[in-house]
Amino acid sequence: MTVAPGDPVRRPVCVRPGTVVTLVLSPRTDGKRWTAARSSAPALVLVTGRQVAADGTAHVSLRAAGTRGGSAEITVSAKEPDLAGTGGVGFTLDVTVTPYAREG
């Protein structure tokens, strides 16, 4: 999933258990840099990797739990490069994990 400047700052996505999502956040136009990525429910959706390229593009890898269903909010922070702290939320991904139907 790619997020570019001008896109909504909040998006929903529905996935199956075990799904890996790569979130690509294009460089920001306001001078801020992508910093941290956090999950509100790491037992359900875990942030498994985060890299920021020299051009400011951030790549965040997410993995949905293997069997459970539920929802998690993934927040990615952005801040001015010369300021201390984690910064404010720049993008939010609302992830709903929907398990496969059981037979029987």
Protein backbone atom coordinates (compact mmCIF):
# COMPACT_ATOMS: atom_id res chain seq x y z
CA MET A 1 0.00 0.00 0.00
CA THR A 2 1.45 3.36 -1.02
CA VAL A 3 0.71 6.71 0.65
CA ALA A 4 1.58 9.89 -1.23
CA PRO A 5 1.38 13.58 -0.26
CA GLY A 6 -2.22 14.73 -0.54
CA ASP A 7 -3.65 11.28 0.24
CA PRO A 8 -5.97 10.91 3.25
CA VAL A 9 -4.05 10.70 6.53
CA ARG A 10 -6.19 7.77 7.68
CA ARG A 11 -7.02 4.63 5.69
CA PRO A 12 -8.78 1.35 6.44
CA VAL A 13 -7.60 -2.06 5.24
CA CYS A 14 -8.99 -5.55 5.81
CA VAL A 15 -6.65 -8.56 5.74
CA ARG A 16 -6.63 -12.27 6.55
CA PRO A 17 -4.57 -13.76 9.40
CA GLY A 18 -0.93 -14.26 8.43
CA THR A 19 -0.99 -11.47 5.83
CA VAL A 20 2.10 -9.28 5.47
CA VAL A 21 1.46 -5.67 4.42
CA THR A 22 4.18 -3.33 3.22
CA LEU A 23 3.30 0.30 3.74
CA VAL A 24 5.27 2.71 1.53
CA LEU A 25 5.06 6.32 2.71
CA SER A 26 6.30 8.79 0.12
CA PRO A 27 8.50 11.70 1.25
CA ARG A 28 6.54 14.44 2.96
CA THR A 29 6.24 17.91 1.40
CA ASP A 30 6.12 19.80 4.72
CA GLY A 31 9.77 19.22 5.68
CA LYS A 32 8.95 16.56 8.26
CA ARG A 33 10.46 13.06 8.21
CA TRP A 34 8.76 9.76 8.97
CA THR A 35 10.02 8.50 12.34
CA ALA A 36 8.32 5.74 14.35
CA ALA A 37 5.59 3.19 13.58
CA ARG A 38 3.46 1.66 16.34
CA SER A 39 0.63 -0.84 16.62
CA SER A 40 -2.19 -0.40 19.13
CA ALA A 41 -2.45 -4.22 19.29
CA PRO A 42 0.95 -5.82 18.57
CA ALA A 43 -0.43 -9.29 19.40
CA LEU A 44 -2.79 -8.88 16.45
CA VAL A 45 -0.81 -6.72 13.97
CA LEU A 46 2.92 -6.43 14.57
CA VAL A 47 5.26 -3.84 13.06
CA THR A 48 8.06 -6.14 11.88
CA GLY A 49 10.30 -3.60 10.17
CA ARG A 50 10.77 0.06 9.38
CA GLN A 51 13.28 1.77 7.13
CA VAL A 52 13.56 5.34 5.94
CA ALA A 53 15.48 5.87 2.69
CA ALA A 54 17.78 8.82 2.07
CA ASP A 55 15.05 10.50 -0.02
CA GLY A 56 12.60 10.35 2.93
CA THR A 57 10.49 7.40 1.72
CA ALA A 58 9.52 5.14 4.63
CA HIS A 59 8.88 1.40 4.28
CA VAL A 60 6.94 -0.19 7.14
CA SER A 61 6.28 -3.95 7.27
CA LEU A 62 3.25 -5.26 9.15
CA ARG A 63 2.27 -8.86 9.92
CA ALA A 64 -1.23 -9.94 10.95
CA ALA A 65 -1.53 -12.64 13.63
CA GLY A 66 -1.75 -16.21 12.37
CA THR A 67 -5.23 -17.15 13.59
CA ARG A 68 -7.00 -14.35 15.43
CA GLY A 69 -9.39 -11.73 14.19
CA GLY A 70 -9.81 -8.17 15.45
CA SER A 71 -8.58 -4.67 14.73
CA ALA A 72 -5.49 -2.56 15.33
CA GLU A 73 -4.51 1.01 14.66
CA ILE A 74 -1.07 1.48 13.10
CA THR A 75 0.26 5.00 13.58
CA VAL A 76 3.30 6.41 11.81
CA SER A 77 4.83 9.53 13.32
CA ALA A 78 6.50 12.42 11.52
CA LYS A 79 8.59 15.28 12.87
CA GLU A 80 10.99 18.01 11.90
CA PRO A 81 14.47 16.43 11.55
CA ASP A 82 16.12 18.85 14.00
CA LEU A 83 13.57 18.53 16.83
CA ALA A 84 13.81 16.04 19.71
CA GLY A 85 11.05 13.57 20.47
CA THR A 86 8.98 11.17 18.41
CA GLY A 87 6.80 13.74 16.64
CA GLY A 88 3.10 13.75 15.93
CA VAL A 89 1.02 11.20 14.07
CA GLY A 90 1.36 11.73 10.33
CA PHE A 91 -0.56 8.69 9.08
CA THR A 92 -2.89 6.08 10.54
CA LEU A 93 -3.79 2.69 9.06
CA ASP A 94 -6.86 1.02 10.55
CA VAL A 95 -6.28 -2.73 10.11
CA THR A 96 -9.10 -5.23 10.48
CA VAL A 97 -8.03 -8.87 10.56
CA THR A 98 -10.83 -11.17 9.42
CA PRO A 99 -10.27 -14.89 10.05
CA TYR A 100 -11.21 -17.51 7.50
CA ALA A 101 -14.61 -19.10 8.01
CA ARG A 102 -14.58 -22.39 9.88
CA GLU A 103 -16.46 -25.36 8.61
CA GLY A 104 -18.53 -27.62 10.77
